[in-house]
Amino acid sequence: MVVARKESGKTVAELKKDISALSASELVSMQSHIKEALRTKQQLPAHIPVSIFATELSPAEAVVKYLKEHHSLTLSEIAKLINRDQRGIWGSYARSKRKRPDAFELGSAIHTIPISCFSDRSKSILEHVVTHLKDEKNLKPAQICSLLNKKPSTIWTAYQRGRRKQNA
């Protein structure tokens, strides 16, 4: 029988032995930490609907508001998820609440962006959105303009900057 090893080098049997040595209160504490970790992992979204970017909010404000209000993530969790400073996340959320106090109206999300794109700090959030829609979804600039409710010059600029940064 093959015994699995964790990164720490301990076998499953050794880990079981360590766990059996814990007191009841330590086990209850460990159980609550495990439940919290599982809850957080289950709620982490894989994609963000493109429709949230078609509002008066900046792209960063839209992402933060969506993750906070629709997935109940803390500002700290959002900061880790999109690789941004927690203070900037707080500011973005505060501005988004002032600009748009109501929640997003989410219909069926036809186009989505992987949340993993936003953790790459080499491009802005809008540049990630536009380059993903153009290169991965093969949408035309006019379609992207209507999806994001932005001017063609804004879409063109974001795409050009995103491509330049990608090729650098």
Protein backbone atom coordinates (compact mmCIF):
# COMPACT_ATOMS: atom_id res chain seq x y z
CA MET A 1 0.00 0.00 0.00
CA VAL A 2 1.35 3.42 -1.00
CA VAL A 3 1.21 6.04 1.75
CA ALA A 4 0.67 9.63 0.61
CA ARG A 5 3.08 12.27 1.85
CA LYS A 6 2.22 15.88 2.51
CA GLU A 7 4.62 18.71 1.63
CA SER A 8 5.85 18.62 5.23
CA GLY A 9 7.17 15.10 4.61
CA LYS A 10 4.75 13.41 7.03
CA THR A 11 2.74 10.39 6.01
CA VAL A 12 -1.02 10.23 6.47
CA ALA A 13 -0.53 7.84 9.39
CA GLU A 14 1.82 10.31 11.09
CA LEU A 15 -0.66 13.13 10.59
CA LYS A 16 -3.45 10.99 12.09
CA LYS A 17 -1.25 10.31 15.10
CA ASP A 18 -0.60 14.04 15.54
CA ILE A 19 -4.33 14.80 15.30
CA SER A 20 -5.22 12.12 17.84
CA ALA A 21 -2.87 13.81 20.34
CA LEU A 22 -4.88 17.07 20.21
CA SER A 23 -7.31 18.04 22.96
CA ALA A 24 -11.04 18.36 22.33
CA SER A 25 -10.91 22.18 22.33
CA GLU A 26 -8.00 22.15 19.87
CA LEU A 27 -9.98 19.81 17.58
CA VAL A 28 -13.05 22.07 17.72
CA SER A 29 -10.86 25.07 16.90
CA MET A 30 -9.21 23.22 14.02
CA GLN A 31 -12.62 22.13 12.72
CA SER A 32 -13.89 25.72 12.66
CA HIS A 33 -10.76 26.83 10.77
CA ILE A 34 -11.24 24.03 8.23
CA LYS A 35 -14.92 24.91 7.76
CA GLU A 36 -14.03 28.59 7.22
CA ALA A 37 -11.35 27.65 4.69
CA LEU A 38 -13.78 25.42 2.80
CA ARG A 39 -16.49 28.10 2.84
CA THR A 40 -14.07 30.65 1.44
CA LYS A 41 -12.81 28.26 -1.24
CA GLN A 42 -16.32 27.34 -2.34
CA GLN A 43 -17.40 30.97 -2.70
CA LEU A 44 -14.45 32.13 -4.77
CA PRO A 45 -15.80 32.91 -8.21
CA ALA A 46 -13.97 31.67 -11.28
CA HIS A 47 -15.40 34.27 -13.68
CA ILE A 48 -16.80 37.79 -13.63
CA PRO A 49 -19.67 38.82 -15.93
CA VAL A 50 -18.76 41.45 -18.50
CA SER A 51 -22.03 43.30 -17.92
CA ILE A 52 -20.70 44.83 -14.67
CA PHE A 53 -18.24 46.92 -16.69
CA ALA A 54 -21.05 48.65 -18.63
CA THR A 55 -21.84 51.01 -15.75
CA GLU A 56 -20.64 54.41 -14.61
CA LEU A 57 -18.15 52.70 -12.27
CA SER A 58 -14.46 52.34 -13.06
CA PRO A 59 -13.40 48.76 -13.87
CA ALA A 60 -11.72 48.35 -10.45
CA GLU A 61 -14.79 49.68 -8.64
CA ALA A 62 -17.04 47.33 -10.62
CA VAL A 63 -14.94 44.25 -9.82
CA VAL A 64 -14.71 45.08 -6.12
CA LYS A 65 -18.43 45.88 -5.82
CA TYR A 66 -19.39 42.67 -7.63
CA LEU A 67 -17.14 40.46 -5.49
CA LYS A 68 -18.18 42.16 -2.25
CA GLU A 69 -21.93 42.26 -2.83
CA HIS A 70 -22.56 39.14 -4.92
CA HIS A 71 -20.03 36.76 -3.40
CA SER A 72 -19.82 38.24 0.12
CA LEU A 73 -16.04 38.33 0.07
CA THR A 74 -14.19 40.53 2.54
CA LEU A 75 -12.06 43.37 1.24
CA SER A 76 -8.99 41.42 2.36
CA GLU A 77 -10.08 38.36 0.37
CA ILE A 78 -10.74 40.51 -2.69
CA ALA A 79 -7.31 42.11 -2.39
CA LYS A 80 -5.65 38.69 -2.30
CA LEU A 81 -7.79 37.34 -5.14
CA ILE A 82 -6.97 40.14 -7.57
CA ASN A 83 -3.48 40.88 -6.24
CA ARG A 84 -4.15 44.46 -5.19
CA ASP A 85 -3.49 46.48 -2.04
CA GLN A 86 -6.26 46.23 0.54
CA ARG A 87 -6.35 50.01 1.02
CA GLY A 88 -6.99 50.51 -2.69
CA ILE A 89 -9.75 47.91 -2.57
CA TRP A 90 -11.34 49.77 0.34
CA GLY A 91 -11.22 53.05 -1.60
CA SER A 92 -12.67 51.45 -4.73
CA TYR A 93 -15.55 49.94 -2.76
CA ALA A 94 -16.28 53.22 -0.97
CA ARG A 95 -16.38 55.11 -4.30
CA SER A 96 -18.56 52.43 -5.89
CA LYS A 97 -21.13 52.69 -3.08
CA ARG A 98 -21.29 56.48 -3.53
CA LYS A 99 -21.64 56.28 -7.32
CA ARG A 100 -24.00 53.30 -7.37
CA PRO A 101 -25.67 52.40 -4.08
CA ASP A 102 -27.90 49.73 -5.65
CA ALA A 103 -26.67 46.25 -6.56
CA PHE A 104 -25.84 45.14 -10.09
CA GLU A 105 -28.70 43.78 -12.16
CA LEU A 106 -27.23 40.51 -13.38
CA GLY A 107 -29.09 38.73 -16.10
CA SER A 108 -27.67 35.68 -17.80
CA ALA A 109 -23.95 36.24 -18.23
CA ILE A 110 -23.24 35.65 -21.91
CA HIS A 111 -19.63 36.78 -21.69
CA THR A 112 -17.41 36.35 -18.66
CA ILE A 113 -13.80 37.12 -17.79
CA PRO A 114 -11.70 34.70 -15.71
CA ILE A 115 -10.94 36.24 -12.33
CA SER A 116 -7.37 34.96 -12.64
CA CYS A 117 -6.72 37.60 -15.35
CA PHE A 118 -7.00 40.40 -12.80
CA SER A 119 -4.24 39.08 -10.55
CA ASP A 120 -1.71 39.93 -13.29
CA ARG A 121 -0.63 43.47 -12.45
CA SER A 122 1.14 44.07 -15.77
CA LYS A 123 -2.09 45.39 -17.36
CA SER A 124 -4.98 47.46 -16.06
CA ILE A 125 -8.33 45.82 -15.42
CA LEU A 126 -9.86 47.43 -18.52
CA GLU A 127 -6.91 46.29 -20.64
CA HIS A 128 -7.42 42.73 -19.39
CA VAL A 129 -11.13 42.85 -20.18
CA VAL A 130 -10.71 44.28 -23.67
CA THR A 131 -7.80 42.02 -24.70
CA HIS A 132 -9.62 38.95 -23.36
CA LEU A 133 -12.80 39.80 -25.27
CA LYS A 134 -10.90 40.54 -28.47
CA ASP A 135 -8.27 37.79 -28.41
CA GLU A 136 -9.99 34.95 -26.53
CA LYS A 137 -13.66 35.53 -27.39
CA ASN A 138 -12.90 36.86 -30.90
CA LEU A 139 -15.28 39.79 -30.56
CA LYS A 140 -15.08 42.77 -32.87
CA PRO A 141 -14.29 46.20 -31.40
CA ALA A 142 -17.84 47.40 -32.13
CA GLN A 143 -19.26 44.45 -30.15
CA ILE A 144 -16.91 45.21 -27.26
CA CYS A 145 -17.99 48.87 -27.32
CA SER A 146 -21.64 47.91 -26.98
CA LEU A 147 -20.93 45.29 -24.28
CA LEU A 148 -18.88 47.67 -22.14
CA ASN A 149 -20.82 50.84 -23.02
CA LYS A 150 -17.56 52.62 -23.86
CA LYS A 151 -16.43 54.79 -26.75
CA PRO A 152 -14.55 53.13 -29.64
CA SER A 153 -11.46 55.25 -28.90
CA THR A 154 -11.40 53.97 -25.31
CA ILE A 155 -11.62 50.35 -26.46
CA TRP A 156 -8.96 50.87 -29.13
CA THR A 157 -6.58 52.55 -26.66
CA ALA A 158 -7.08 49.86 -24.00
CA TYR A 159 -6.51 47.09 -26.56
CA GLN A 160 -3.37 48.70 -28.01
CA ARG A 161 -1.88 49.29 -24.56
CA GLY A 162 -2.76 45.76 -23.46
CA ARG A 163 -1.16 44.20 -26.56
CA ARG A 164 1.96 46.35 -26.18
CA LYS A 165 2.34 45.28 -22.54
CA GLN A 166 1.68 41.64 -23.45
CA ASN A 167 4.37 41.64 -26.13
CA ALA A 168 6.93 43.49 -23.99
